């Protein structure tokens, strides 16, 4: 089932959950639910007015600028509604920061 968001709505899958181990071996615990830092999302669907991001991009979203309720699709992917104005940065396969690469490796 393909979802097409309206206007500037964006749906994405949160990547930044669980603990992260830095290159130096320091373990950073998850603070999900504490709303204390931006999170990385994989963009799954983009409305026609959201011009600076596209499907397949990765977006760093400001603290709390996504829904807490999940939208469950028929394929089992859990999506969250992301506020367009809450996107701080966009990355793709050509310009991924090391933090994002580590998250992708961890999550498979």
C-alpha atoms as a PDB file:
ATOM      1  CA  UNK A   1       0.000   0.000   0.000  1.00  0.00           C
ATOM      2  CA  UNK A   2       1.466   3.341  -1.066  1.00  0.00           C
ATOM      3  CA  UNK A   3       0.692   6.408   1.054  1.00  0.00           C
ATOM      4  CA  UNK A   4       0.816   9.870  -0.480  1.00  0.00           C
ATOM      5  CA  UNK A   5       0.910  12.636   2.143  1.00  0.00           C
ATOM      6  CA  UNK A   6      -0.901  15.898   1.492  1.00  0.00           C
ATOM      7  CA  UNK A   7       0.660  19.392   1.334  1.00  0.00           C
ATOM      8  CA  UNK A   8       3.944  19.525   3.280  1.00  0.00           C
ATOM      9  CA  UNK A   9       3.378  16.363   5.324  1.00  0.00           C
ATOM     10  CA  UNK A  10       6.264  13.911   5.628  1.00  0.00           C
ATOM     11  CA  UNK A  11       6.168  10.340   6.909  1.00  0.00           C
ATOM     12  CA  UNK A  12       9.322   8.660   8.141  1.00  0.00           C
ATOM     13  CA  UNK A  13      10.679   5.747  10.094  1.00  0.00           C
ATOM     14  CA  UNK A  14      12.681   6.663  13.199  1.00  0.00           C
ATOM     15  CA  UNK A  15      16.200   5.211  13.178  1.00  0.00           C
ATOM     16  CA  UNK A  16      17.684   6.699  16.304  1.00  0.00           C
ATOM     17  CA  UNK A  17      16.492   4.360  19.047  1.00  0.00           C
ATOM     18  CA  UNK A  18      18.384   2.197  21.498  1.00  0.00           C
ATOM     19  CA  UNK A  19      21.955   2.737  22.633  1.00  0.00           C
ATOM     20  CA  UNK A  20      24.799   3.910  20.411  1.00  0.00           C
ATOM     21  CA  UNK A  21      28.483   3.056  20.849  1.00  0.00           C
ATOM     22  CA  UNK A  22      30.905   5.762  19.718  1.00  0.00           C
ATOM     23  CA  UNK A  23      34.220   5.043  17.958  1.00  0.00           C
ATOM     24  CA  UNK A  24      35.949   5.452  21.320  1.00  0.00           C
ATOM     25  CA  UNK A  25      33.724   2.746  22.838  1.00  0.00           C
ATOM     26  CA  UNK A  26      31.494   5.034  24.880  1.00  0.00           C
ATOM     27  CA  UNK A  27      27.910   3.754  25.113  1.00  0.00           C
ATOM     28  CA  UNK A  28      25.246   6.441  24.806  1.00  0.00           C
ATOM     29  CA  UNK A  29      21.954   5.265  26.273  1.00  0.00           C
ATOM     30  CA  UNK A  30      18.692   5.868  24.476  1.00  0.00           C
ATOM     31  CA  UNK A  31      16.654   8.745  25.789  1.00  0.00           C
ATOM     32  CA  UNK A  32      13.505   7.970  23.819  1.00  0.00           C
ATOM     33  CA  UNK A  33      10.572   9.614  25.529  1.00  0.00           C
ATOM     34  CA  UNK A  34      12.697  12.271  27.228  1.00  0.00           C
ATOM     35  CA  UNK A  35      12.617  14.540  24.145  1.00  0.00           C
ATOM     36  CA  UNK A  36      16.141  15.775  24.705  1.00  0.00           C
ATOM     37  CA  UNK A  37      17.845  15.621  21.284  1.00  0.00           C
ATOM     38  CA  UNK A  38      17.185  15.511  17.537  1.00  0.00           C
ATOM     39  CA  UNK A  39      16.633  12.110  15.892  1.00  0.00           C
ATOM     40  CA  UNK A  40      17.424  10.593  12.491  1.00  0.00           C
ATOM     41  CA  UNK A  41      14.549   9.370  10.312  1.00  0.00           C
ATOM     42  CA  UNK A  42      14.420   7.553   6.987  1.00  0.00           C
ATOM     43  CA  UNK A  43      11.929   9.416   4.801  1.00  0.00           C
ATOM     44  CA  UNK A  44       9.297   7.065   3.378  1.00  0.00           C
ATOM     45  CA  UNK A  45       6.697   9.443   1.868  1.00  0.00           C
ATOM     46  CA  UNK A  46       6.696  13.168   1.046  1.00  0.00           C
ATOM     47  CA  UNK A  47       3.861  15.554   0.241  1.00  0.00           C
ATOM     48  CA  UNK A  48       4.058  17.763  -2.876  1.00  0.00           C
ATOM     49  CA  UNK A  49       4.859  20.968  -0.940  1.00  0.00           C
ATOM     50  CA  UNK A  50       7.827  19.484   0.958  1.00  0.00           C
ATOM     51  CA  UNK A  51      10.375  20.423  -1.689  1.00  0.00           C
ATOM     52  CA  UNK A  52      13.687  20.109   0.168  1.00  0.00           C
ATOM     53  CA  UNK A  53      13.380  16.429   1.052  1.00  0.00           C
ATOM     54  CA  UNK A  54      12.541  13.342  -0.991  1.00  0.00           C
ATOM     55  CA  UNK A  55      11.726   9.695  -0.409  1.00  0.00           C
ATOM     56  CA  UNK A  56      14.806   7.693   0.545  1.00  0.00           C
ATOM     57  CA  UNK A  57      16.580  10.650   2.178  1.00  0.00           C
ATOM     58  CA  UNK A  58      17.578  10.670   5.820  1.00  0.00           C
ATOM     59  CA  UNK A  59      16.442  13.634   7.902  1.00  0.00           C
ATOM     60  CA  UNK A  60      17.661  14.939  11.234  1.00  0.00           C
ATOM     61  CA  UNK A  61      14.495  16.112  12.968  1.00  0.00           C
ATOM     62  CA  UNK A  62      14.409  18.571  15.853  1.00  0.00           C
ATOM     63  CA  UNK A  63      13.332  17.384  19.274  1.00  0.00           C
ATOM     64  CA  UNK A  64       9.657  16.517  19.498  1.00  0.00           C
ATOM     65  CA  UNK A  65       8.792  17.600  15.933  1.00  0.00           C
ATOM     66  CA  UNK A  66       7.236  14.242  15.078  1.00  0.00           C
ATOM     67  CA  UNK A  67       4.130  12.422  16.255  1.00  0.00           C
ATOM     68  CA  UNK A  68       4.305  10.031  19.153  1.00  0.00           C
ATOM     69  CA  UNK A  69       1.507   7.892  17.802  1.00  0.00           C
ATOM     70  CA  UNK A  70       2.626   5.402  15.183  1.00  0.00           C
ATOM     71  CA  UNK A  71       0.968   4.799  11.862  1.00  0.00           C
ATOM     72  CA  UNK A  72       1.117   1.075  11.147  1.00  0.00           C
ATOM     73  CA  UNK A  73       1.033   0.091   7.493  1.00  0.00           C
ATOM     74  CA  UNK A  74       0.049  -3.246   6.018  1.00  0.00           C
ATOM     75  CA  UNK A  75       3.737  -4.164   5.586  1.00  0.00           C
ATOM     76  CA  UNK A  76       4.456  -3.681   9.290  1.00  0.00           C
ATOM     77  CA  UNK A  77       6.561  -0.517   8.959  1.00  0.00           C
ATOM     78  CA  UNK A  78       5.863   2.002  11.700  1.00  0.00           C
ATOM     79  CA  UNK A  79       5.815   5.581  10.416  1.00  0.00           C
ATOM     80  CA  UNK A  80       5.634   8.893  12.205  1.00  0.00           C
ATOM     81  CA  UNK A  81       4.321  12.178  10.897  1.00  0.00           C
ATOM     82  CA  UNK A  82       7.254  14.629  10.769  1.00  0.00           C
ATOM     83  CA  UNK A  83       6.776  18.393  10.818  1.00  0.00           C
ATOM     84  CA  UNK A  84       8.392  19.895   7.722  1.00  0.00           C
ATOM     85  CA  UNK A  85       9.645  22.905   9.705  1.00  0.00           C
ATOM     86  CA  UNK A  86      11.239  20.534  12.222  1.00  0.00           C
ATOM     87  CA  UNK A  87      13.787  19.107   9.774  1.00  0.00           C
ATOM     88  CA  UNK A  88      17.256  20.395  10.639  1.00  0.00           C
ATOM     89  CA  UNK A  89      19.322  18.584   7.993  1.00  0.00           C
ATOM     90  CA  UNK A  90      18.951  16.121   5.139  1.00  0.00           C
ATOM     91  CA  UNK A  91      21.430  13.428   4.123  1.00  0.00           C
ATOM     92  CA  UNK A  92      21.470  10.840   1.381  1.00  0.00           C
ATOM     93  CA  UNK A  93      23.831   8.040   0.346  1.00  0.00           C
ATOM     94  CA  UNK A  94      26.374  10.520  -1.025  1.00  0.00           C
ATOM     95  CA  UNK A  95      26.695  12.704   2.093  1.00  0.00           C
ATOM     96  CA  UNK A  96      26.075  10.623   5.223  1.00  0.00           C
ATOM     97  CA  UNK A  97      27.601  11.729   8.526  1.00  0.00           C
ATOM     98  CA  UNK A  98      29.374   9.018  10.553  1.00  0.00           C
ATOM     99  CA  UNK A  99      26.648   9.062  13.229  1.00  0.00           C
ATOM    100  CA  UNK A 100      24.045   8.135  10.618  1.00  0.00           C
ATOM    101  CA  UNK A 101      26.237   5.420   9.084  1.00  0.00           C
ATOM    102  CA  UNK A 102      26.589   3.847  12.527  1.00  0.00           C
ATOM    103  CA  UNK A 103      22.807   3.902  13.044  1.00  0.00           C
ATOM    104  CA  UNK A 104      22.190   2.261   9.684  1.00  0.00           C
ATOM    105  CA  UNK A 105      24.748  -0.465  10.377  1.00  0.00           C
ATOM    106  CA  UNK A 106      23.208  -1.098  13.790  1.00  0.00           C
ATOM    107  CA  UNK A 107      19.639  -1.273  12.472  1.00  0.00           C
ATOM    108  CA  UNK A 108      20.505  -3.383   9.446  1.00  0.00           C
END
